[in-house]
PDB file of N, CA and C in Angstrom:
ATOM      1  N   MET A   1     -26.332  -9.130  28.971  1.00  0.00           N
ATOM      2  CA  MET A   1     -25.827  -8.551  27.726  1.00  0.00           C
ATOM      3  C   MET A   1     -24.521  -7.820  27.938  1.00  0.00           C
ATOM      4  N   GLY A   2     -23.507  -8.238  27.083  1.00  0.00           N
ATOM      5  CA  GLY A   2     -22.372  -8.069  27.129  1.00  0.00           C
ATOM      6  C   GLY A   2     -21.960  -6.331  26.787  1.00  0.00           C
ATOM      7  N   ARG A   3     -21.018  -5.906  26.916  1.00  0.00           N
ATOM      8  CA  ARG A   3     -20.530  -4.709  26.503  1.00  0.00           C
ATOM      9  C   ARG A   3     -19.575  -4.782  25.434  1.00  0.00           C
ATOM     10  N   THR A   4     -20.051  -4.130  24.379  1.00  0.00           N
ATOM     11  CA  THR A   4     -19.338  -3.817  22.832  1.00  0.00           C
ATOM     12  C   THR A   4     -18.207  -2.910  23.032  1.00  0.00           C
ATOM     13  N   LEU A   5     -17.066  -3.215  22.901  1.00  0.00           N
ATOM     14  CA  LEU A   5     -15.788  -2.618  22.729  1.00  0.00           C
ATOM     15  C   LEU A   5     -15.273  -2.014  21.525  1.00  0.00           C
ATOM     16  N   ILE A   6     -14.828  -0.952  21.368  1.00  0.00           N
ATOM     17  CA  ILE A   6     -14.115  -0.531  20.098  1.00  0.00           C
ATOM     18  C   ILE A   6     -12.570   0.212  20.568  1.00  0.00           C
ATOM     19  N   ALA A   7     -11.806   0.188  19.831  1.00  0.00           N
ATOM     20  CA  ALA A   7     -10.456   0.985  20.142  1.00  0.00           C
ATOM     21  C   ALA A   7     -10.271   1.625  18.861  1.00  0.00           C
ATOM     22  N   LEU A   8      -9.567   2.943  18.988  1.00  0.00           N
ATOM     23  CA  LEU A   8      -8.753   3.501  17.957  1.00  0.00           C
ATOM     24  C   LEU A   8      -7.396   3.762  18.472  1.00  0.00           C
ATOM     25  N   ARG A   9      -6.611   3.524  17.414  1.00  0.00           N
ATOM     26  CA  ARG A   9      -5.120   3.750  17.815  1.00  0.00           C
ATOM     27  C   ARG A   9      -4.399   4.332  16.486  1.00  0.00           C
ATOM     28  N   THR A  10      -3.337   5.144  16.564  1.00  0.00           N
ATOM     29  CA  THR A  10      -2.649   5.863  15.585  1.00  0.00           C
ATOM     30  C   THR A  10      -1.821   4.719  14.955  1.00  0.00           C
ATOM     31  N   VAL A  11      -1.704   4.639  13.468  1.00  0.00           N
ATOM     32  CA  VAL A  11      -0.946   3.917  13.038  1.00  0.00           C
ATOM     33  C   VAL A  11      -0.021   4.657  11.954  1.00  0.00           C
ATOM     34  N   VAL A  12       1.135   4.067  11.458  1.00  0.00           N
ATOM     35  CA  VAL A  12       1.807   4.657  10.422  1.00  0.00           C
ATOM     36  C   VAL A  12       1.907   3.791   9.297  1.00  0.00           C
ATOM     37  N   ARG A  13       1.131   4.240   8.052  1.00  0.00           N
ATOM     38  CA  ARG A  13       1.346   3.131   7.080  1.00  0.00           C
ATOM     39  C   ARG A  13       2.358   4.152   5.954  1.00  0.00           C
ATOM     40  N   GLU A  14       3.464   3.429   5.294  1.00  0.00           N
ATOM     41  CA  GLU A  14       4.332   4.021   4.357  1.00  0.00           C
ATOM     42  C   GLU A  14       3.509   5.082   3.380  1.00  0.00           C
ATOM     43  N   GLU A  15       2.676   3.855   2.779  1.00  0.00           N
ATOM     44  CA  GLU A  15       2.333   4.833   1.446  1.00  0.00           C
ATOM     45  C   GLU A  15       1.035   5.909   1.772  1.00  0.00           C
ATOM     46  N   TRP A  16       0.570   5.872   3.101  1.00  0.00           N
ATOM     47  CA  TRP A  16      -0.179   6.965   3.121  1.00  0.00           C
ATOM     48  C   TRP A  16       0.316   7.957   4.433  1.00  0.00           C
ATOM     49  N   GLY A  17       1.002   7.649   5.299  1.00  0.00           N
ATOM     50  CA  GLY A  17       1.481   8.348   6.340  1.00  0.00           C
ATOM     51  C   GLY A  17       0.617   7.871   7.480  1.00  0.00           C
ATOM     52  N   ALA A  18       0.164   8.772   8.414  1.00  0.00           N
ATOM     53  CA  ALA A  18      -0.268   8.602   9.689  1.00  0.00           C
ATOM     54  C   ALA A  18      -1.842   8.159   9.304  1.00  0.00           C
ATOM     55  N   GLY A  19      -2.502   7.422  10.343  1.00  0.00           N
ATOM     56  CA  GLY A  19      -3.589   6.914  10.098  1.00  0.00           C
ATOM     57  C   GLY A  19      -4.365   6.457  11.357  1.00  0.00           C
ATOM     58  N   VAL A  20      -5.517   5.770  11.168  1.00  0.00           N
ATOM     59  CA  VAL A  20      -6.219   5.330  12.331  1.00  0.00           C
ATOM     60  C   VAL A  20      -6.539   4.027  12.386  1.00  0.00           C
ATOM     61  N   ALA A  21      -6.537   2.871  13.014  1.00  0.00           N
ATOM     62  CA  ALA A  21      -6.811   1.784  13.189  1.00  0.00           C
ATOM     63  C   ALA A  21      -8.089   1.468  14.046  1.00  0.00           C
ATOM     64  N   VAL A  22      -9.009   1.081  13.488  1.00  0.00           N
ATOM     65  CA  VAL A  22     -10.289   0.760  14.194  1.00  0.00           C
ATOM     66  C   VAL A  22     -10.476  -0.862  14.422  1.00  0.00           C
ATOM     67  N   VAL A  23     -10.685  -1.119  15.852  1.00  0.00           N
ATOM     68  CA  VAL A  23     -10.559  -2.464  16.133  1.00  0.00           C
ATOM     69  C   VAL A  23     -11.737  -2.659  17.019  1.00  0.00           C
ATOM     70  N   GLY A  24     -12.321  -3.892  16.737  1.00  0.00           N
ATOM     71  CA  GLY A  24     -13.572  -4.203  17.659  1.00  0.00           C
ATOM     72  C   GLY A  24     -14.815  -4.092  16.648  1.00  0.00           C
ATOM     73  N   GLU A  25     -15.958  -3.664  17.326  1.00  0.00           N
ATOM     74  CA  GLU A  25     -17.116  -3.602  16.441  1.00  0.00           C
ATOM     75  C   GLU A  25     -17.763  -2.300  16.315  1.00  0.00           C
ATOM     76  N   LEU A  26     -18.123  -1.945  15.258  1.00  0.00           N
ATOM     77  CA  LEU A  26     -18.865  -0.792  14.970  1.00  0.00           C
ATOM     78  C   LEU A  26     -20.080  -0.838  14.801  1.00  0.00           C
ATOM     79  N   ASP A  27     -20.963  -0.445  15.841  1.00  0.00           N
ATOM     80  CA  ASP A  27     -22.511  -0.371  15.905  1.00  0.00           C
ATOM     81  C   ASP A  27     -23.108   0.556  16.245  1.00  0.00           C
ATOM     82  N   VAL A  28     -24.405   0.971  16.468  1.00  0.00           N
ATOM     83  CA  VAL A  28     -25.031   2.178  16.964  1.00  0.00           C
ATOM     84  C   VAL A  28     -24.174   2.858  18.104  1.00  0.00           C
ATOM     85  N   HIS A  29     -23.883   1.905  19.056  1.00  0.00           N
ATOM     86  CA  HIS A  29     -23.142   2.439  20.375  1.00  0.00           C
ATOM     87  C   HIS A  29     -21.885   3.124  20.242  1.00  0.00           C
ATOM     88  N   THR A  30     -21.060   2.281  19.624  1.00  0.00           N
ATOM     89  CA  THR A  30     -19.818   2.368  19.166  1.00  0.00           C
ATOM     90  C   THR A  30     -19.457   3.670  18.448  1.00  0.00           C
ATOM     91  N   ALA A  31     -20.281   3.695  17.099  1.00  0.00           N
ATOM     92  CA  ALA A  31     -20.124   4.615  16.247  1.00  0.00           C
ATOM     93  C   ALA A  31     -20.344   5.940  16.595  1.00  0.00           C
ATOM     94  N   ALA A  32     -21.420   6.193  17.760  1.00  0.00           N
ATOM     95  CA  ALA A  32     -21.535   7.154  18.549  1.00  0.00           C
ATOM     96  C   ALA A  32     -20.380   7.635  19.339  1.00  0.00           C
ATOM     97  N   ALA A  33     -19.567   6.603  20.002  1.00  0.00           N
ATOM     98  CA  ALA A  33     -18.440   7.118  20.729  1.00  0.00           C
ATOM     99  C   ALA A  33     -17.297   7.454  19.801  1.00  0.00           C
ATOM    100  N   VAL A  34     -17.020   6.928  18.886  1.00  0.00           N
ATOM    101  CA  VAL A  34     -15.712   6.919  18.138  1.00  0.00           C
ATOM    102  C   VAL A  34     -15.984   8.252  17.014  1.00  0.00           C
ATOM    103  N   GLU A  35     -17.217   8.638  16.855  1.00  0.00           N
ATOM    104  CA  GLU A  35     -17.484   9.699  15.621  1.00  0.00           C
ATOM    105  C   GLU A  35     -16.684  10.804  16.131  1.00  0.00           C
ATOM    106  N   PRO A  36     -16.964  11.349  17.412  1.00  0.00           N
ATOM    107  CA  PRO A  36     -16.416  12.620  17.700  1.00  0.00           C
ATOM    108  C   PRO A  36     -14.697  12.550  17.445  1.00  0.00           C
ATOM    109  N   ARG A  37     -14.181  11.731  17.884  1.00  0.00           N
ATOM    110  CA  ARG A  37     -12.801  11.367  17.799  1.00  0.00           C
ATOM    111  C   ARG A  37     -12.090  11.408  16.640  1.00  0.00           C
ATOM    112  N   LEU A  38     -13.199  10.791  15.633  1.00  0.00           N
ATOM    113  CA  LEU A  38     -12.563  10.706  14.103  1.00  0.00           C
ATOM    114  C   LEU A  38     -12.696  11.994  13.415  1.00  0.00           C
ATOM    115  N   THR A  39     -13.875  12.625  13.722  1.00  0.00           N
ATOM    116  CA  THR A  39     -14.195  14.033  13.234  1.00  0.00           C
ATOM    117  C   THR A  39     -13.151  14.841  13.486  1.00  0.00           C
ATOM    118  N   ARG A  40     -12.529  14.881  14.889  1.00  0.00           N
ATOM    119  CA  ARG A  40     -11.304  15.688  15.045  1.00  0.00           C
ATOM    120  C   ARG A  40     -10.034  15.415  14.174  1.00  0.00           C
ATOM    121  N   VAL A  41      -9.754  13.991  13.879  1.00  0.00           N
ATOM    122  CA  VAL A  41      -8.875  13.817  13.096  1.00  0.00           C
ATOM    123  C   VAL A  41      -8.955  14.179  11.578  1.00  0.00           C
ATOM    124  N   ALA A  42     -10.364  14.135  11.019  1.00  0.00           N
ATOM    125  CA  ALA A  42     -10.788  14.732   9.701  1.00  0.00           C
ATOM    126  C   ALA A  42     -10.683  16.495   9.838  1.00  0.00           C
ATOM    127  N   ASP A  43     -10.681  16.981  10.920  1.00  0.00           N
ATOM    128  CA  ASP A  43     -10.758  18.518  10.981  1.00  0.00           C
ATOM    129  C   ASP A  43      -9.185  18.888  11.122  1.00  0.00           C
ATOM    130  N   GLY A  44      -8.463  17.945  11.293  1.00  0.00           N
ATOM    131  CA  GLY A  44      -6.891  18.243  11.478  1.00  0.00           C
ATOM    132  C   GLY A  44      -6.340  18.530  10.066  1.00  0.00           C
ATOM    133  N   GLY A  45      -6.861  18.419   8.849  1.00  0.00           N
ATOM    134  CA  GLY A  45      -6.364  18.401   7.657  1.00  0.00           C
ATOM    135  C   GLY A  45      -5.732  17.357   7.128  1.00  0.00           C
ATOM    136  N   GLY A  46      -5.976  17.208   5.857  1.00  0.00           N
ATOM    137  CA  GLY A  46      -5.174  16.081   5.217  1.00  0.00           C
ATOM    138  C   GLY A  46      -6.206  14.998   5.050  1.00  0.00           C
ATOM    139  N   ASP A  47      -5.668  13.942   4.128  1.00  0.00           N
ATOM    140  CA  ASP A  47      -6.583  12.529   4.051  1.00  0.00           C
ATOM    141  C   ASP A  47      -6.560  11.901   5.291  1.00  0.00           C
ATOM    142  N   VAL A  48      -7.746  11.303   5.596  1.00  0.00           N
ATOM    143  CA  VAL A  48      -7.904  10.457   6.838  1.00  0.00           C
ATOM    144  C   VAL A  48      -7.942   9.108   6.412  1.00  0.00           C
ATOM    145  N   VAL A  49      -6.951   8.058   6.877  1.00  0.00           N
ATOM    146  CA  VAL A  49      -6.931   6.665   6.447  1.00  0.00           C
ATOM    147  C   VAL A  49      -7.260   5.982   7.640  1.00  0.00           C
ATOM    148  N   LEU A  50      -8.329   4.898   7.780  1.00  0.00           N
ATOM    149  CA  LEU A  50      -8.721   3.989   8.506  1.00  0.00           C
ATOM    150  C   LEU A  50      -8.236   2.626   8.089  1.00  0.00           C
ATOM    151  N   ASP A  51      -7.645   2.042   9.003  1.00  0.00           N
ATOM    152  CA  ASP A  51      -7.410   0.665   8.863  1.00  0.00           C
ATOM    153  C   ASP A  51      -8.437  -0.194   9.552  1.00  0.00           C
ATOM    154  N   LEU A  52      -9.293  -1.041   8.750  1.00  0.00           N
ATOM    155  CA  LEU A  52     -10.398  -1.476   9.185  1.00  0.00           C
ATOM    156  C   LEU A  52      -9.927  -3.128   9.445  1.00  0.00           C
ATOM    157  N   SER A  53      -8.694  -3.364   9.277  1.00  0.00           N
ATOM    158  CA  SER A  53      -8.231  -5.027   9.333  1.00  0.00           C
ATOM    159  C   SER A  53      -8.587  -5.570  10.843  1.00  0.00           C
ATOM    160  N   GLY A  54      -8.751  -4.892  11.784  1.00  0.00           N
ATOM    161  CA  GLY A  54      -9.142  -5.184  13.084  1.00  0.00           C
ATOM    162  C   GLY A  54     -10.925  -5.108  13.554  1.00  0.00           C
ATOM    163  N   LEU A  55     -11.393  -4.675  12.559  1.00  0.00           N
ATOM    164  CA  LEU A  55     -12.853  -4.583  12.350  1.00  0.00           C
ATOM    165  C   LEU A  55     -13.476  -5.803  12.390  1.00  0.00           C
ATOM    166  N   ALA A  56     -14.401  -6.272  13.561  1.00  0.00           N
ATOM    167  CA  ALA A  56     -14.849  -7.716  13.568  1.00  0.00           C
ATOM    168  C   ALA A  56     -16.196  -7.561  13.175  1.00  0.00           C
ATOM    169  N   PHE A  57     -17.103  -6.407  13.365  1.00  0.00           N
ATOM    170  CA  PHE A  57     -18.547  -6.225  12.818  1.00  0.00           C
ATOM    171  C   PHE A  57     -18.770  -4.736  12.346  1.00  0.00           C
ATOM    172  N   CYS A  58     -19.717  -4.463  11.475  1.00  0.00           N
ATOM    173  CA  CYS A  58     -19.954  -3.250  11.257  1.00  0.00           C
ATOM    174  C   CYS A  58     -21.343  -3.169  10.825  1.00  0.00           C
ATOM    175  N   ASP A  59     -22.320  -2.493  11.521  1.00  0.00           N
ATOM    176  CA  ASP A  59     -23.788  -2.487  11.111  1.00  0.00           C
ATOM    177  C   ASP A  59     -23.901  -1.091  10.212  1.00  0.00           C
ATOM    178  N   SER A  60     -25.144  -0.760  10.157  1.00  0.00           N
ATOM    179  CA  SER A  60     -25.645   0.247   9.255  1.00  0.00           C
ATOM    180  C   SER A  60     -25.272   1.483   9.682  1.00  0.00           C
ATOM    181  N   SER A  61     -25.389   1.647  11.420  1.00  0.00           N
ATOM    182  CA  SER A  61     -24.773   2.976  11.868  1.00  0.00           C
ATOM    183  C   SER A  61     -23.429   3.183  11.695  1.00  0.00           C
ATOM    184  N   GLY A  62     -22.709   2.013  11.947  1.00  0.00           N
ATOM    185  CA  GLY A  62     -20.990   2.313  11.410  1.00  0.00           C
ATOM    186  C   GLY A  62     -20.993   2.788   9.807  1.00  0.00           C
ATOM    187  N   ILE A  63     -21.791   2.328   9.156  1.00  0.00           N
ATOM    188  CA  ILE A  63     -21.433   2.609   7.609  1.00  0.00           C
ATOM    189  C   ILE A  63     -22.076   4.016   7.456  1.00  0.00           C
ATOM    190  N   GLU A  64     -23.122   4.483   8.029  1.00  0.00           N
ATOM    191  CA  GLU A  64     -23.801   5.840   7.982  1.00  0.00           C
ATOM    192  C   GLU A  64     -22.532   6.861   8.673  1.00  0.00           C
ATOM    193  N   MET A  65     -21.828   6.530   9.605  1.00  0.00           N
ATOM    194  CA  MET A  65     -20.911   7.148  10.309  1.00  0.00           C
ATOM    195  C   MET A  65     -19.580   7.245   9.307  1.00  0.00           C
ATOM    196  N   LEU A  66     -19.176   6.154   8.454  1.00  0.00           N
ATOM    197  CA  LEU A  66     -18.265   6.441   7.646  1.00  0.00           C
ATOM    198  C   LEU A  66     -18.686   7.303   6.451  1.00  0.00           C
ATOM    199  N   LEU A  67     -19.841   7.144   6.320  1.00  0.00           N
ATOM    200  CA  LEU A  67     -20.364   8.165   4.999  1.00  0.00           C
ATOM    201  C   LEU A  67     -20.423   9.501   5.523  1.00  0.00           C
ATOM    202  N   ARG A  68     -20.604   9.795   6.812  1.00  0.00           N
ATOM    203  CA  ARG A  68     -20.500  11.420   7.413  1.00  0.00           C
ATOM    204  C   ARG A  68     -19.145  11.831   7.500  1.00  0.00           C
ATOM    205  N   LEU A  69     -18.179  10.943   7.780  1.00  0.00           N
ATOM    206  CA  LEU A  69     -16.902  11.105   7.791  1.00  0.00           C
ATOM    207  C   LEU A  69     -16.102  11.371   6.530  1.00  0.00           C
ATOM    208  N   HIS A  70     -16.786  10.667   5.574  1.00  0.00           N
ATOM    209  CA  HIS A  70     -16.231  10.903   4.054  1.00  0.00           C
ATOM    210  C   HIS A  70     -16.850  12.346   3.588  1.00  0.00           C
ATOM    211  N   ARG A  71     -18.222  12.597   3.887  1.00  0.00           N
ATOM    212  CA  ARG A  71     -18.667  14.063   3.420  1.00  0.00           C
ATOM    213  C   ARG A  71     -17.835  14.990   4.114  1.00  0.00           C
ATOM    214  N   ARG A  72     -17.505  14.795   5.349  1.00  0.00           N
ATOM    215  CA  ARG A  72     -16.681  15.942   6.168  1.00  0.00           C
ATOM    216  C   ARG A  72     -15.267  16.175   5.595  1.00  0.00           C
ATOM    217  N   CYS A  73     -14.672  15.079   5.197  1.00  0.00           N
ATOM    218  CA  CYS A  73     -13.231  15.162   4.730  1.00  0.00           C
ATOM    219  C   CYS A  73     -13.381  15.831   3.100  1.00  0.00           C
ATOM    220  N   ALA A  74     -14.640  15.579   2.405  1.00  0.00           N
ATOM    221  CA  ALA A  74     -14.671  15.940   1.143  1.00  0.00           C
ATOM    222  C   ALA A  74     -14.969  17.618   1.082  1.00  0.00           C
ATOM    223  N   ARG A  75     -15.728  17.974   2.120  1.00  0.00           N
ATOM    224  CA  ARG A  75     -15.548  19.442   2.408  1.00  0.00           C
ATOM    225  C   ARG A  75     -14.442  20.136   2.489  1.00  0.00           C
ATOM    226  N   ALA A  76     -13.575  19.259   3.234  1.00  0.00           N
ATOM    227  CA  ALA A  76     -12.205  20.200   3.603  1.00  0.00           C
ATOM    228  C   ALA A  76     -11.034  20.003   2.505  1.00  0.00           C
ATOM    229  N   GLY A  77     -11.799  19.245   1.386  1.00  0.00           N
ATOM    230  CA  GLY A  77     -10.678  19.132   0.217  1.00  0.00           C
ATOM    231  C   GLY A  77      -9.746  17.667   0.506  1.00  0.00           C
ATOM    232  N   ALA A  78     -10.111  17.028   1.259  1.00  0.00           N
ATOM    233  CA  ALA A  78      -9.357  15.678   1.899  1.00  0.00           C
ATOM    234  C   ALA A  78     -10.244  14.501   1.420  1.00  0.00           C
ATOM    235  N   GLN A  79      -9.502  13.286   1.605  1.00  0.00           N
ATOM    236  CA  GLN A  79     -10.201  12.387   1.196  1.00  0.00           C
ATOM    237  C   GLN A  79     -10.026  11.291   2.371  1.00  0.00           C
ATOM    238  N   LEU A  80     -11.428  10.309   2.355  1.00  0.00           N
ATOM    239  CA  LEU A  80     -11.283   9.229   3.539  1.00  0.00           C
ATOM    240  C   LEU A  80     -11.016   7.958   2.881  1.00  0.00           C
ATOM    241  N   VAL A  81      -9.756   7.112   3.246  1.00  0.00           N
ATOM    242  CA  VAL A  81      -9.624   6.082   2.528  1.00  0.00           C
ATOM    243  C   VAL A  81      -9.670   4.810   3.492  1.00  0.00           C
ATOM    244  N   LEU A  82     -10.395   3.844   3.139  1.00  0.00           N
ATOM    245  CA  LEU A  82     -10.760   2.736   4.031  1.00  0.00           C
ATOM    246  C   LEU A  82      -9.595   1.583   3.614  1.00  0.00           C
ATOM    247  N   GLN A  83      -8.573   1.321   4.494  1.00  0.00           N
ATOM    248  CA  GLN A  83      -7.860   0.207   4.124  1.00  0.00           C
ATOM    249  C   GLN A  83      -8.263  -1.143   4.696  1.00  0.00           C
ATOM    250  N   ASP A  84      -7.735  -2.242   4.148  1.00  0.00           N
ATOM    251  CA  ASP A  84      -7.624  -3.439   4.610  1.00  0.00           C
ATOM    252  C   ASP A  84      -9.480  -3.760   4.950  1.00  0.00           C
ATOM    253  N   VAL A  85     -10.352  -3.618   4.456  1.00  0.00           N
ATOM    254  CA  VAL A  85     -11.623  -3.654   4.561  1.00  0.00           C
ATOM    255  C   VAL A  85     -12.097  -4.961   4.631  1.00  0.00           C
ATOM    256  N   PRO A  86     -12.588  -5.673   5.584  1.00  0.00           N
ATOM    257  CA  PRO A  86     -12.994  -7.054   5.890  1.00  0.00           C
ATOM    258  C   PRO A  86     -13.915  -7.319   4.880  1.00  0.00           C
ATOM    259  N   PRO A  87     -13.812  -8.688   4.160  1.00  0.00           N
ATOM    260  CA  PRO A  87     -14.629  -8.982   3.241  1.00  0.00           C
ATOM    261  C   PRO A  87     -16.451  -8.880   3.742  1.00  0.00           C
ATOM    262  N   LEU A  88     -17.008  -8.977   4.683  1.00  0.00           N
ATOM    263  CA  LEU A  88     -18.205  -8.938   5.183  1.00  0.00           C
ATOM    264  C   LEU A  88     -18.439  -7.516   5.128  1.00  0.00           C
ATOM    265  N   LEU A  89     -17.639  -6.668   5.532  1.00  0.00           N
ATOM    266  CA  LEU A  89     -18.024  -5.297   5.213  1.00  0.00           C
ATOM    267  C   LEU A  89     -18.019  -4.587   3.894  1.00  0.00           C
ATOM    268  N   ALA A  90     -17.006  -5.208   3.093  1.00  0.00           N
ATOM    269  CA  ALA A  90     -17.209  -4.784   1.884  1.00  0.00           C
ATOM    270  C   ALA A  90     -18.156  -5.415   1.005  1.00  0.00           C
ATOM    271  N   LYS A  91     -18.834  -6.615   1.399  1.00  0.00           N
ATOM    272  CA  LYS A  91     -19.851  -6.671   0.787  1.00  0.00           C
ATOM    273  C   LYS A  91     -21.264  -5.953   1.261  1.00  0.00           C
ATOM    274  N   SER A  92     -21.354  -5.469   2.443  1.00  0.00           N
ATOM    275  CA  SER A  92     -22.249  -4.614   3.047  1.00  0.00           C
ATOM    276  C   SER A  92     -22.082  -3.508   2.129  1.00  0.00           C
ATOM    277  N   LEU A  93     -20.926  -2.697   2.133  1.00  0.00           N
ATOM    278  CA  LEU A  93     -20.944  -1.734   1.322  1.00  0.00           C
ATOM    279  C   LEU A  93     -21.538  -1.657  -0.146  1.00  0.00           C
ATOM    280  N   ARG A  94     -21.257  -2.773  -0.784  1.00  0.00           N
ATOM    281  CA  ARG A  94     -21.635  -2.836  -1.909  1.00  0.00           C
ATOM    282  C   ARG A  94     -23.311  -2.971  -2.141  1.00  0.00           C
ATOM    283  N   VAL A  95     -23.881  -3.750  -1.201  1.00  0.00           N
ATOM    284  CA  VAL A  95     -25.267  -4.090  -1.060  1.00  0.00           C
ATOM    285  C   VAL A  95     -25.958  -2.529  -0.912  1.00  0.00           C
ATOM    286  N   VAL A  96     -25.313  -1.821  -0.224  1.00  0.00           N
ATOM    287  CA  VAL A  96     -26.087  -0.424   0.122  1.00  0.00           C
ATOM    288  C   VAL A  96     -25.580   0.667  -0.908  1.00  0.00           C
ATOM    289  N   GLY A  97     -24.683   0.276  -1.903  1.00  0.00           N
ATOM    290  CA  GLY A  97     -24.225   1.361  -2.675  1.00  0.00           C
ATOM    291  C   GLY A  97     -23.018   2.238  -2.216  1.00  0.00           C
ATOM    292  N   ALA A  98     -22.860   2.049  -0.754  1.00  0.00           N
ATOM    293  CA  ALA A  98     -21.627   3.018  -0.261  1.00  0.00           C
ATOM    294  C   ALA A  98     -20.104   2.642  -0.910  1.00  0.00           C
ATOM    295  N   ASP A  99     -20.109   1.546  -1.594  1.00  0.00           N
ATOM    296  CA  ASP A  99     -18.732   1.283  -2.047  1.00  0.00           C
ATOM    297  C   ASP A  99     -18.501   2.308  -3.252  1.00  0.00           C
ATOM    298  N   ARG A 100     -19.646   2.831  -3.796  1.00  0.00           N
ATOM    299  CA  ARG A 100     -19.391   3.646  -5.031  1.00  0.00           C
ATOM    300  C   ARG A 100     -18.970   5.116  -4.639  1.00  0.00           C
ATOM    301  N   VAL A 101     -19.236   5.372  -3.238  1.00  0.00           N
ATOM    302  CA  VAL A 101     -18.912   6.850  -2.606  1.00  0.00           C
ATOM    303  C   VAL A 101     -17.529   6.758  -1.741  1.00  0.00           C
ATOM    304  N   LEU A 102     -17.305   5.650  -1.120  1.00  0.00           N
ATOM    305  CA  LEU A 102     -16.181   5.341  -0.043  1.00  0.00           C
ATOM    306  C   LEU A 102     -15.029   4.753  -1.027  1.00  0.00           C
ATOM    307  N   HIS A 103     -13.741   5.354  -0.633  1.00  0.00           N
ATOM    308  CA  HIS A 103     -12.558   5.009  -1.198  1.00  0.00           C
ATOM    309  C   HIS A 103     -11.788   3.816  -0.441  1.00  0.00           C
ATOM    310  N   CYS A 104     -12.171   2.558  -1.064  1.00  0.00           N
ATOM    311  CA  CYS A 104     -11.644   1.319  -0.312  1.00  0.00           C
ATOM    312  C   CYS A 104     -10.268   0.973  -0.764  1.00  0.00           C
ATOM    313  N   ASP A 105      -9.108   0.949  -0.213  1.00  0.00           N
ATOM    314  CA  ASP A 105      -8.085   0.398  -0.562  1.00  0.00           C
ATOM    315  C   ASP A 105      -7.816  -1.048  -0.015  1.00  0.00           C
ATOM    316  N   ARG A 106      -7.955  -2.139  -0.658  1.00  0.00           N
ATOM    317  CA  ARG A 106      -7.847  -3.463  -0.424  1.00  0.00           C
ATOM    318  C   ARG A 106      -6.479  -3.876  -0.276  1.00  0.00           C
ATOM    319  N   SER A 107      -5.587  -3.143  -0.062  1.00  0.00           N
ATOM    320  CA  SER A 107      -3.873  -3.571   0.032  1.00  0.00           C
ATOM    321  C   SER A 107      -4.010  -4.808   1.070  1.00  0.00           C
TER     322      SER A 107
END
């Protein structure tokens, strides 16, 4: 069994400012590993922008983590913005209805 890897890196997007690029696979194992780090970003104040262009895979655990992060941002008066959502993830978000809650910027 191979080891699933995921990486987070800080990025700067002119239209949004600082954000986080999520690269790799977001599944039950990696979502649990990155959620505390993303929660700290959300707790830092301001909107949280996730660049998902490098995301190769996302299962229901990853979607649930994104929804928890969205709720955390909303409680703080901020917004979670998902940028460059891969087509397969966009379809999965539509199927489960999460696209009605999450703000996806398809730039």
